[in-house]
Amino acid sequence: MALLAGCASITPMEATAIRADRLALTEPTVVLACPARLVEVIDDRPQGESAGMYGKFDLRFEDAARLLREQLVQAGLAATPTAEGLAVTVRLKRLYMSQTNQVNTPVMVLDVTVDRHPAFVIRPKATTINWAGSEKELHAELQRGLAFANRDLVQALNRLCPSKQPRAATAH
């Protein structure tokens, strides 16, 4: 009987859509050193729109490729696939939230192809302590992870630029 009583206190999961409007980037932290064009962003997540579980939230992330495309354009990549510069194709392999022992880990994995260079993987580290487990904190952590992914991608592109001189100073 006591075993059944404990089951009644389980908090039900809440299906929660991740809101792209709450993941907007602030100013890019790294400036693109040469022209680059975004050929395509492909949502290649094996779990589809599922974005993990965060406390009581069962997360869904619809149209993540569109958000990633918008953020990469904001970071300086040309939106027109026929523009000048490095040709960049991004495959979104993972995008979810992990929470273990009060540690938040937004997980982003991008598989990137640039011109004829070997493909490379972007997987930023953005682990933090979970303070409240709120939806607001969830979105802040995912935004931070996306910002780190964009920063790491621009830094990788800068290493592939024919001219290694940045167009402007980088912010920290």
N, C-alpha and C. Protein backbone atom coordinates (compact mmCIF):
# COMPACT_ATOMS: atom_id res chain seq x y z
N MET A 1 0.82 -1.18 0.00
CA MET A 1 0.00 0.00 0.00
C MET A 1 0.88 1.26 0.00
N ALA A 2 1.94 1.26 0.82
CA ALA A 2 2.83 2.42 0.88
C ALA A 2 3.49 2.66 -0.48
N LEU A 3 3.79 1.59 -1.20
CA LEU A 3 4.39 1.73 -2.52
C LEU A 3 3.45 2.47 -3.46
N LEU A 4 2.19 2.14 -3.43
CA LEU A 4 1.22 2.81 -4.28
C LEU A 4 1.03 4.27 -3.88
N ALA A 5 1.10 4.58 -2.62
CA ALA A 5 0.95 5.96 -2.16
C ALA A 5 2.06 6.84 -2.71
N GLY A 6 3.26 6.30 -2.81
CA GLY A 6 4.37 7.06 -3.36
C GLY A 6 4.17 7.37 -4.83
N CYS A 7 3.50 6.51 -5.56
CA CYS A 7 3.28 6.73 -6.99
C CYS A 7 2.34 7.90 -7.24
N ALA A 8 1.46 8.18 -6.32
CA ALA A 8 0.51 9.27 -6.50
C ALA A 8 1.18 10.63 -6.48
N SER A 9 2.39 10.72 -5.95
CA SER A 9 3.05 12.01 -5.86
C SER A 9 3.94 12.32 -7.07
N ILE A 10 3.97 11.46 -8.05
CA ILE A 10 4.79 11.69 -9.24
C ILE A 10 4.21 12.86 -10.03
N THR A 11 5.06 13.81 -10.38
CA THR A 11 4.62 14.97 -11.15
C THR A 11 4.47 14.57 -12.61
N PRO A 12 3.31 14.83 -13.20
CA PRO A 12 3.13 14.46 -14.61
C PRO A 12 4.00 15.32 -15.52
N MET A 13 4.43 14.75 -16.64
CA MET A 13 5.24 15.48 -17.61
C MET A 13 4.35 16.47 -18.35
N GLU A 14 4.91 17.61 -18.68
CA GLU A 14 4.21 18.62 -19.45
C GLU A 14 4.86 18.72 -20.82
N ALA A 15 4.09 18.46 -21.89
CA ALA A 15 4.61 18.67 -23.24
C ALA A 15 4.87 20.17 -23.39
N THR A 16 6.10 20.53 -23.72
CA THR A 16 6.49 21.94 -23.76
C THR A 16 7.22 22.23 -25.07
N ALA A 17 6.67 23.16 -25.83
CA ALA A 17 7.33 23.58 -27.07
C ALA A 17 8.42 24.58 -26.72
N ILE A 18 9.59 24.40 -27.30
CA ILE A 18 10.67 25.37 -27.12
C ILE A 18 10.34 26.54 -28.03
N ARG A 19 10.35 27.72 -27.46
CA ARG A 19 9.96 28.91 -28.20
C ARG A 19 11.18 29.57 -28.82
N ALA A 20 11.23 29.55 -30.15
CA ALA A 20 12.36 30.13 -30.88
C ALA A 20 12.54 31.60 -30.57
N ASP A 21 11.44 32.33 -30.30
CA ASP A 21 11.56 33.76 -30.02
C ASP A 21 12.30 34.02 -28.71
N ARG A 22 12.39 33.01 -27.84
CA ARG A 22 13.12 33.17 -26.57
C ARG A 22 14.58 32.73 -26.68
N LEU A 23 15.00 32.35 -27.90
CA LEU A 23 16.37 31.90 -28.12
C LEU A 23 17.16 32.87 -28.99
N ALA A 24 16.67 34.08 -29.13
CA ALA A 24 17.33 35.07 -29.98
C ALA A 24 18.76 35.32 -29.49
N LEU A 25 19.65 35.49 -30.45
CA LEU A 25 21.04 35.77 -30.12
C LEU A 25 21.23 37.24 -29.80
N THR A 26 22.18 37.50 -28.93
CA THR A 26 22.63 38.87 -28.73
C THR A 26 23.67 39.13 -29.81
N GLU A 27 24.45 40.13 -29.67
CA GLU A 27 25.49 40.42 -30.66
C GLU A 27 26.45 39.24 -30.78
N PRO A 28 26.85 38.88 -32.02
CA PRO A 28 27.85 37.81 -32.17
C PRO A 28 29.13 38.14 -31.43
N THR A 29 29.75 37.14 -30.83
CA THR A 29 30.98 37.36 -30.06
C THR A 29 32.23 37.24 -30.92
N VAL A 30 32.07 36.66 -32.12
CA VAL A 30 33.21 36.51 -33.03
C VAL A 30 32.75 37.01 -34.40
N VAL A 31 33.60 37.78 -35.05
CA VAL A 31 33.28 38.35 -36.36
C VAL A 31 33.84 37.44 -37.45
N LEU A 32 33.05 37.21 -38.45
CA LEU A 32 33.48 36.40 -39.59
C LEU A 32 34.60 37.12 -40.33
N ALA A 33 35.70 36.42 -40.62
CA ALA A 33 36.90 37.04 -41.19
C ALA A 33 36.88 37.10 -42.72
N CYS A 34 35.99 36.35 -43.35
CA CYS A 34 35.91 36.36 -44.80
C CYS A 34 34.47 36.03 -45.19
N PRO A 35 34.10 36.30 -46.43
CA PRO A 35 32.72 36.00 -46.84
C PRO A 35 32.44 34.49 -46.78
N ALA A 36 31.25 34.17 -46.32
CA ALA A 36 30.78 32.78 -46.29
C ALA A 36 29.29 32.80 -46.61
N ARG A 37 28.84 31.78 -47.29
CA ARG A 37 27.43 31.69 -47.66
C ARG A 37 26.85 30.40 -47.13
N LEU A 38 25.67 30.50 -46.62
CA LEU A 38 24.98 29.35 -46.05
C LEU A 38 24.20 28.67 -47.17
N VAL A 39 24.72 27.53 -47.62
CA VAL A 39 24.07 26.80 -48.71
C VAL A 39 22.79 26.13 -48.21
N GLU A 40 22.91 25.47 -47.05
CA GLU A 40 21.75 24.73 -46.55
C GLU A 40 21.94 24.41 -45.07
N VAL A 41 20.82 24.38 -44.35
CA VAL A 41 20.78 23.87 -42.98
C VAL A 41 19.79 22.72 -43.00
N ILE A 42 20.26 21.54 -42.62
CA ILE A 42 19.44 20.33 -42.68
C ILE A 42 19.19 19.82 -41.26
N ASP A 43 17.93 19.62 -40.95
CA ASP A 43 17.57 19.06 -39.64
C ASP A 43 17.69 17.55 -39.74
N ASP A 44 18.75 17.01 -39.17
CA ASP A 44 19.07 15.59 -39.27
C ASP A 44 19.02 14.93 -37.89
N ARG A 45 18.18 15.47 -36.99
CA ARG A 45 18.08 14.93 -35.63
C ARG A 45 17.36 13.58 -35.67
N PRO A 46 17.94 12.55 -35.07
CA PRO A 46 17.33 11.22 -35.11
C PRO A 46 16.01 11.14 -34.33
N GLN A 47 15.82 12.00 -33.35
CA GLN A 47 14.59 11.99 -32.55
C GLN A 47 13.57 13.00 -33.06
N GLY A 48 13.81 13.56 -34.25
CA GLY A 48 12.88 14.54 -34.80
C GLY A 48 12.78 15.77 -33.91
N GLU A 49 11.57 16.17 -33.59
CA GLU A 49 11.36 17.40 -32.82
C GLU A 49 11.57 17.23 -31.33
N SER A 50 11.78 16.01 -30.85
CA SER A 50 12.00 15.80 -29.43
C SER A 50 13.31 16.47 -29.02
N ALA A 51 13.26 17.21 -27.92
CA ALA A 51 14.44 17.94 -27.46
C ALA A 51 14.79 17.60 -26.02
N GLY A 52 14.44 16.40 -25.60
CA GLY A 52 14.83 15.93 -24.28
C GLY A 52 13.81 16.24 -23.21
N MET A 53 14.21 15.97 -21.97
CA MET A 53 13.36 16.21 -20.82
C MET A 53 14.13 17.13 -19.87
N TYR A 54 13.41 18.05 -19.29
CA TYR A 54 14.01 19.02 -18.38
C TYR A 54 13.05 19.13 -17.20
N GLY A 55 13.41 18.48 -16.10
CA GLY A 55 12.49 18.45 -14.96
C GLY A 55 11.18 17.83 -15.38
N LYS A 56 10.11 18.56 -15.25
CA LYS A 56 8.79 18.05 -15.63
C LYS A 56 8.43 18.35 -17.08
N PHE A 57 9.34 18.98 -17.82
CA PHE A 57 9.06 19.40 -19.19
C PHE A 57 9.53 18.35 -20.20
N ASP A 58 8.62 17.88 -21.03
CA ASP A 58 8.93 17.02 -22.17
C ASP A 58 9.04 17.95 -23.37
N LEU A 59 10.25 18.20 -23.82
CA LEU A 59 10.53 19.29 -24.76
C LEU A 59 10.34 18.89 -26.21
N ARG A 60 9.78 19.80 -26.98
CA ARG A 60 9.61 19.67 -28.43
C ARG A 60 10.20 20.91 -29.07
N PHE A 61 10.99 20.74 -30.14
CA PHE A 61 11.59 21.87 -30.82
C PHE A 61 11.26 21.77 -32.30
N GLU A 62 10.23 22.49 -32.69
CA GLU A 62 9.81 22.51 -34.08
C GLU A 62 10.64 23.51 -34.87
N ASP A 63 10.92 23.17 -36.10
CA ASP A 63 11.60 24.07 -37.04
C ASP A 63 12.93 24.61 -36.51
N ALA A 64 13.70 23.73 -35.92
CA ALA A 64 15.01 24.12 -35.38
C ALA A 64 15.96 24.55 -36.49
N ALA A 65 15.85 23.94 -37.67
CA ALA A 65 16.74 24.31 -38.78
C ALA A 65 16.52 25.77 -39.19
N ARG A 66 15.29 26.23 -39.18
CA ARG A 66 15.01 27.62 -39.52
C ARG A 66 15.67 28.56 -38.51
N LEU A 67 15.53 28.24 -37.23
CA LEU A 67 16.16 29.08 -36.19
C LEU A 67 17.68 29.09 -36.36
N LEU A 68 18.27 27.94 -36.58
CA LEU A 68 19.72 27.87 -36.75
C LEU A 68 20.15 28.68 -37.97
N ARG A 69 19.41 28.57 -39.07
CA ARG A 69 19.70 29.35 -40.27
C ARG A 69 19.67 30.85 -39.95
N GLU A 70 18.62 31.30 -39.28
CA GLU A 70 18.49 32.73 -38.94
C GLU A 70 19.66 33.19 -38.08
N GLN A 71 20.07 32.37 -37.12
CA GLN A 71 21.16 32.77 -36.24
C GLN A 71 22.49 32.79 -36.97
N LEU A 72 22.71 31.88 -37.90
CA LEU A 72 23.96 31.88 -38.66
C LEU A 72 24.03 33.08 -39.61
N VAL A 73 22.89 33.46 -40.16
CA VAL A 73 22.84 34.67 -40.99
C VAL A 73 23.13 35.89 -40.12
N GLN A 74 22.57 35.93 -38.92
CA GLN A 74 22.84 37.03 -37.99
C GLN A 74 24.33 37.07 -37.63
N ALA A 75 24.98 35.90 -37.60
CA ALA A 75 26.40 35.83 -37.27
C ALA A 75 27.29 36.24 -38.45
N GLY A 76 26.68 36.47 -39.64
CA GLY A 76 27.46 36.99 -40.75
C GLY A 76 27.48 36.16 -42.01
N LEU A 77 26.91 34.96 -42.00
CA LEU A 77 26.88 34.15 -43.21
C LEU A 77 25.81 34.70 -44.15
N ALA A 78 26.11 34.71 -45.44
CA ALA A 78 25.15 35.20 -46.43
C ALA A 78 24.00 34.20 -46.56
N ALA A 79 22.79 34.72 -46.65
CA ALA A 79 21.60 33.87 -46.75
C ALA A 79 21.39 33.33 -48.15
N THR A 80 22.02 33.95 -49.13
CA THR A 80 21.86 33.52 -50.52
C THR A 80 22.89 32.47 -50.85
N PRO A 81 22.45 31.25 -51.22
CA PRO A 81 23.40 30.17 -51.51
C PRO A 81 24.36 30.47 -52.66
N THR A 82 24.02 31.43 -53.53
CA THR A 82 24.88 31.75 -54.67
C THR A 82 25.81 32.92 -54.41
N ALA A 83 25.80 33.46 -53.19
CA ALA A 83 26.68 34.60 -52.85
C ALA A 83 28.14 34.15 -52.89
N GLU A 84 29.02 35.12 -52.81
CA GLU A 84 30.46 34.86 -52.79
C GLU A 84 30.88 34.25 -51.46
N GLY A 85 32.02 33.60 -51.45
CA GLY A 85 32.62 33.14 -50.20
C GLY A 85 32.55 31.64 -50.00
N LEU A 86 32.99 31.22 -48.83
CA LEU A 86 32.99 29.81 -48.47
C LEU A 86 31.56 29.26 -48.53
N ALA A 87 31.39 28.10 -49.12
CA ALA A 87 30.08 27.45 -49.20
C ALA A 87 29.91 26.55 -47.97
N VAL A 88 28.93 26.88 -47.12
CA VAL A 88 28.76 26.19 -45.84
C VAL A 88 27.43 25.44 -45.82
N THR A 89 27.51 24.15 -45.51
CA THR A 89 26.31 23.33 -45.30
C THR A 89 26.38 22.80 -43.88
N VAL A 90 25.27 22.96 -43.14
CA VAL A 90 25.22 22.55 -41.74
C VAL A 90 24.13 21.51 -41.57
N ARG A 91 24.50 20.40 -40.94
CA ARG A 91 23.53 19.37 -40.57
C ARG A 91 23.37 19.42 -39.06
N LEU A 92 22.15 19.67 -38.63
CA LEU A 92 21.83 19.68 -37.20
C LEU A 92 21.64 18.23 -36.77
N LYS A 93 22.61 17.70 -36.03
CA LYS A 93 22.58 16.29 -35.63
C LYS A 93 21.91 16.08 -34.27
N ARG A 94 22.10 17.03 -33.36
CA ARG A 94 21.51 16.93 -32.02
C ARG A 94 21.15 18.33 -31.55
N LEU A 95 20.03 18.42 -30.85
CA LEU A 95 19.63 19.66 -30.19
C LEU A 95 18.62 19.26 -29.11
N TYR A 96 19.14 19.17 -27.89
CA TYR A 96 18.26 18.78 -26.79
C TYR A 96 18.85 19.29 -25.48
N MET A 97 18.05 19.15 -24.45
CA MET A 97 18.47 19.59 -23.12
C MET A 97 18.65 18.35 -22.25
N SER A 98 19.74 18.31 -21.53
CA SER A 98 20.01 17.23 -20.60
C SER A 98 20.15 17.83 -19.20
N GLN A 99 19.60 17.12 -18.23
CA GLN A 99 19.68 17.59 -16.85
C GLN A 99 20.01 16.40 -15.97
N THR A 100 21.17 16.45 -15.29
CA THR A 100 21.61 15.37 -14.44
C THR A 100 22.18 15.95 -13.16
N ASN A 101 21.72 15.44 -12.03
CA ASN A 101 22.26 15.88 -10.73
C ASN A 101 22.39 17.39 -10.62
N GLN A 102 21.35 18.09 -10.97
CA GLN A 102 21.29 19.55 -10.87
C GLN A 102 22.25 20.26 -11.82
N VAL A 103 22.66 19.58 -12.89
CA VAL A 103 23.52 20.20 -13.89
C VAL A 103 22.76 20.26 -15.20
N ASN A 104 22.70 21.46 -15.80
CA ASN A 104 22.06 21.66 -17.09
C ASN A 104 23.09 21.52 -18.19
N THR A 105 22.77 20.77 -19.23
CA THR A 105 23.66 20.66 -20.37
C THR A 105 22.85 20.76 -21.65
N PRO A 106 22.87 21.94 -22.30
CA PRO A 106 22.25 22.03 -23.61
C PRO A 106 23.18 21.33 -24.60
N VAL A 107 22.64 20.41 -25.36
CA VAL A 107 23.46 19.63 -26.28
C VAL A 107 23.14 20.04 -27.72
N MET A 108 24.16 20.55 -28.41
CA MET A 108 24.06 20.90 -29.81
C MET A 108 25.21 20.23 -30.54
N VAL A 109 24.89 19.54 -31.60
CA VAL A 109 25.92 18.93 -32.43
C VAL A 109 25.62 19.30 -33.88
N LEU A 110 26.59 19.96 -34.50
CA LEU A 110 26.47 20.37 -35.89
C LEU A 110 27.55 19.65 -36.70
N ASP A 111 27.16 19.08 -37.82
CA ASP A 111 28.10 18.49 -38.76
C ASP A 111 28.22 19.50 -39.90
N VAL A 112 29.42 20.02 -40.12
CA VAL A 112 29.60 21.15 -41.03
C VAL A 112 30.50 20.75 -42.19
N THR A 113 30.07 21.12 -43.39
CA THR A 113 30.87 20.93 -44.59
C THR A 113 31.13 22.30 -45.20
N VAL A 114 32.39 22.58 -45.51
CA VAL A 114 32.77 23.86 -46.10
C VAL A 114 33.58 23.58 -47.35
N ASP A 115 33.05 23.99 -48.49
CA ASP A 115 33.70 23.78 -49.78
C ASP A 115 34.19 22.33 -49.87
N ARG A 116 35.46 22.17 -50.19
CA ARG A 116 36.02 20.81 -50.34
C ARG A 116 36.83 20.38 -49.13
N HIS A 117 36.72 21.12 -48.04
CA HIS A 117 37.42 20.76 -46.81
C HIS A 117 36.74 19.54 -46.18
N PRO A 118 37.47 18.77 -45.39
CA PRO A 118 36.83 17.65 -44.68
C PRO A 118 35.74 18.18 -43.74
N ALA A 119 34.68 17.42 -43.63
CA ALA A 119 33.59 17.80 -42.71
C ALA A 119 34.13 17.82 -41.28
N PHE A 120 33.55 18.68 -40.45
CA PHE A 120 33.95 18.74 -39.04
C PHE A 120 32.71 18.88 -38.18
N VAL A 121 32.88 18.61 -36.89
CA VAL A 121 31.77 18.64 -35.95
C VAL A 121 31.95 19.80 -34.98
N ILE A 122 30.87 20.50 -34.73
CA ILE A 122 30.81 21.55 -33.71
C ILE A 122 29.97 21.00 -32.58
N ARG A 123 30.55 20.95 -31.38
CA ARG A 123 29.83 20.50 -30.19
C ARG A 123 30.30 21.33 -29.00
N PRO A 124 29.64 22.48 -28.78
CA PRO A 124 30.10 23.36 -27.71
C PRO A 124 29.81 22.80 -26.33
N LYS A 125 30.58 23.25 -25.38
CA LYS A 125 30.38 22.88 -23.96
C LYS A 125 29.73 24.07 -23.26
N ALA A 126 28.54 23.87 -22.74
CA ALA A 126 27.81 24.98 -22.11
C ALA A 126 27.12 24.52 -20.83
N THR A 127 27.77 23.69 -20.06
CA THR A 127 27.19 23.12 -18.84
C THR A 127 27.13 24.17 -17.73
N THR A 128 26.00 24.21 -17.01
CA THR A 128 25.83 25.12 -15.89
C THR A 128 25.07 24.41 -14.77
N ILE A 129 24.99 25.07 -13.64
CA ILE A 129 24.24 24.56 -12.49
C ILE A 129 22.76 24.90 -12.69
N ASN A 130 21.89 23.97 -12.38
CA ASN A 130 20.45 24.19 -12.44
C ASN A 130 20.01 24.88 -11.15
N TRP A 131 19.45 26.07 -11.28
CA TRP A 131 19.03 26.81 -10.09
C TRP A 131 17.55 26.60 -9.80
N ALA A 132 16.70 26.76 -10.79
CA ALA A 132 15.27 26.73 -10.53
C ALA A 132 14.53 25.66 -11.31
N GLY A 133 15.11 25.20 -12.40
CA GLY A 133 14.43 24.20 -13.23
C GLY A 133 13.20 24.78 -13.92
N SER A 134 13.19 26.09 -14.11
CA SER A 134 12.03 26.76 -14.71
C SER A 134 12.13 26.77 -16.23
N GLU A 135 11.02 27.08 -16.85
CA GLU A 135 10.99 27.20 -18.31
C GLU A 135 11.88 28.37 -18.76
N LYS A 136 11.92 29.44 -17.98
CA LYS A 136 12.78 30.58 -18.30
C LYS A 136 14.25 30.17 -18.28
N GLU A 137 14.64 29.41 -17.27
CA GLU A 137 16.02 28.93 -17.18
C GLU A 137 16.35 28.00 -18.35
N LEU A 138 15.41 27.14 -18.69
CA LEU A 138 15.58 26.23 -19.81
C LEU A 138 15.90 27.00 -21.09
N HIS A 139 15.10 28.01 -21.41
CA HIS A 139 15.32 28.78 -22.62
C HIS A 139 16.65 29.54 -22.56
N ALA A 140 17.01 30.07 -21.40
CA ALA A 140 18.28 30.77 -21.26
C ALA A 140 19.46 29.83 -21.52
N GLU A 141 19.37 28.61 -21.02
CA GLU A 141 20.45 27.63 -21.22
C GLU A 141 20.56 27.21 -22.68
N LEU A 142 19.42 26.99 -23.33
CA LEU A 142 19.45 26.63 -24.75
C LEU A 142 19.98 27.78 -25.59
N GLN A 143 19.60 29.01 -25.26
CA GLN A 143 20.11 30.16 -25.98
C GLN A 143 21.63 30.24 -25.84
N ARG A 144 22.12 30.01 -24.65
CA ARG A 144 23.56 30.04 -24.39
C ARG A 144 24.28 28.96 -25.21
N GLY A 145 23.71 27.75 -25.25
CA GLY A 145 24.30 26.68 -26.04
C GLY A 145 24.34 27.00 -27.52
N LEU A 146 23.25 27.58 -28.04
CA LEU A 146 23.22 27.97 -29.45
C LEU A 146 24.23 29.07 -29.74
N ALA A 147 24.36 30.02 -28.82
CA ALA A 147 25.34 31.10 -29.00
C ALA A 147 26.76 30.52 -29.06
N PHE A 148 27.05 29.56 -28.19
CA PHE A 148 28.37 28.91 -28.20
C PHE A 148 28.60 28.15 -29.51
N ALA A 149 27.56 27.47 -30.01
CA ALA A 149 27.68 26.72 -31.27
C ALA A 149 27.96 27.68 -32.42
N ASN A 150 27.25 28.80 -32.46
CA ASN A 150 27.48 29.79 -33.52
C ASN A 150 28.89 30.37 -33.43
N ARG A 151 29.33 30.69 -32.21
CA ARG A 151 30.68 31.21 -32.00
C ARG A 151 31.73 30.21 -32.50
N ASP A 152 31.57 28.96 -32.11
CA ASP A 152 32.54 27.93 -32.51
C ASP A 152 32.54 27.71 -34.02
N LEU A 153 31.36 27.79 -34.65
CA LEU A 153 31.28 27.63 -36.10
C LEU A 153 31.99 28.79 -36.80
N VAL A 154 31.75 30.02 -36.37
CA VAL A 154 32.41 31.17 -37.00
C VAL A 154 33.92 31.08 -36.79
N GLN A 155 34.37 30.67 -35.61
CA GLN A 155 35.82 30.51 -35.39
C GLN A 155 36.40 29.46 -36.33
N ALA A 156 35.68 28.36 -36.55
CA ALA A 156 36.15 27.33 -37.47
C ALA A 156 36.21 27.86 -38.90
N LEU A 157 35.20 28.63 -39.30
CA LEU A 157 35.21 29.22 -40.64
C LEU A 157 36.37 30.19 -40.79
N ASN A 158 36.65 30.95 -39.75
CA ASN A 158 37.76 31.90 -39.81
C ASN A 158 39.09 31.19 -40.04
N ARG A 159 39.24 29.99 -39.50
CA ARG A 159 40.47 29.22 -39.72
C ARG A 159 40.58 28.74 -41.17
N LEU A 160 39.45 28.67 -41.88
CA LEU A 160 39.45 28.20 -43.27
C LEU A 160 39.50 29.34 -44.28
N CYS A 161 39.44 30.57 -43.80
CA CYS A 161 39.46 31.73 -44.70
C CYS A 161 40.77 31.79 -45.48
N PRO A 162 40.68 32.16 -46.77
CA PRO A 162 41.91 32.35 -47.54
C PRO A 162 42.82 33.40 -46.90
N SER A 163 42.23 34.46 -46.39
CA SER A 163 42.96 35.50 -45.66
C SER A 163 42.55 35.37 -44.20
N LYS A 164 43.50 35.20 -43.33
CA LYS A 164 43.20 34.95 -41.92
C LYS A 164 42.96 36.23 -41.11
N GLN A 165 42.99 37.40 -41.75
CA GLN A 165 42.82 38.65 -41.03
C GLN A 165 41.33 38.94 -40.82
N PRO A 166 40.88 39.07 -39.58
CA PRO A 166 39.47 39.40 -39.31
C PRO A 166 39.11 40.78 -39.89
N ARG A 167 37.84 40.92 -40.29
CA ARG A 167 37.36 42.20 -40.82
C ARG A 167 37.20 43.23 -39.72
N ALA A 168 36.98 42.79 -38.50
CA ALA A 168 36.80 43.71 -37.36
C ALA A 168 37.27 42.99 -36.09
N ALA A 169 37.44 43.74 -35.04
CA ALA A 169 37.88 43.15 -33.78
C ALA A 169 36.80 42.24 -33.22
N THR A 170 37.22 41.23 -32.47
CA THR A 170 36.25 40.33 -31.84
C THR A 170 35.91 40.84 -30.45
N ALA A 171 34.67 40.63 -30.07
CA ALA A 171 34.22 41.00 -28.72
C ALA A 171 34.40 39.81 -27.80
N HIS A 172 34.49 40.04 -26.52
CA HIS A 172 34.62 38.94 -25.56
C HIS A 172 33.47 38.89 -24.66
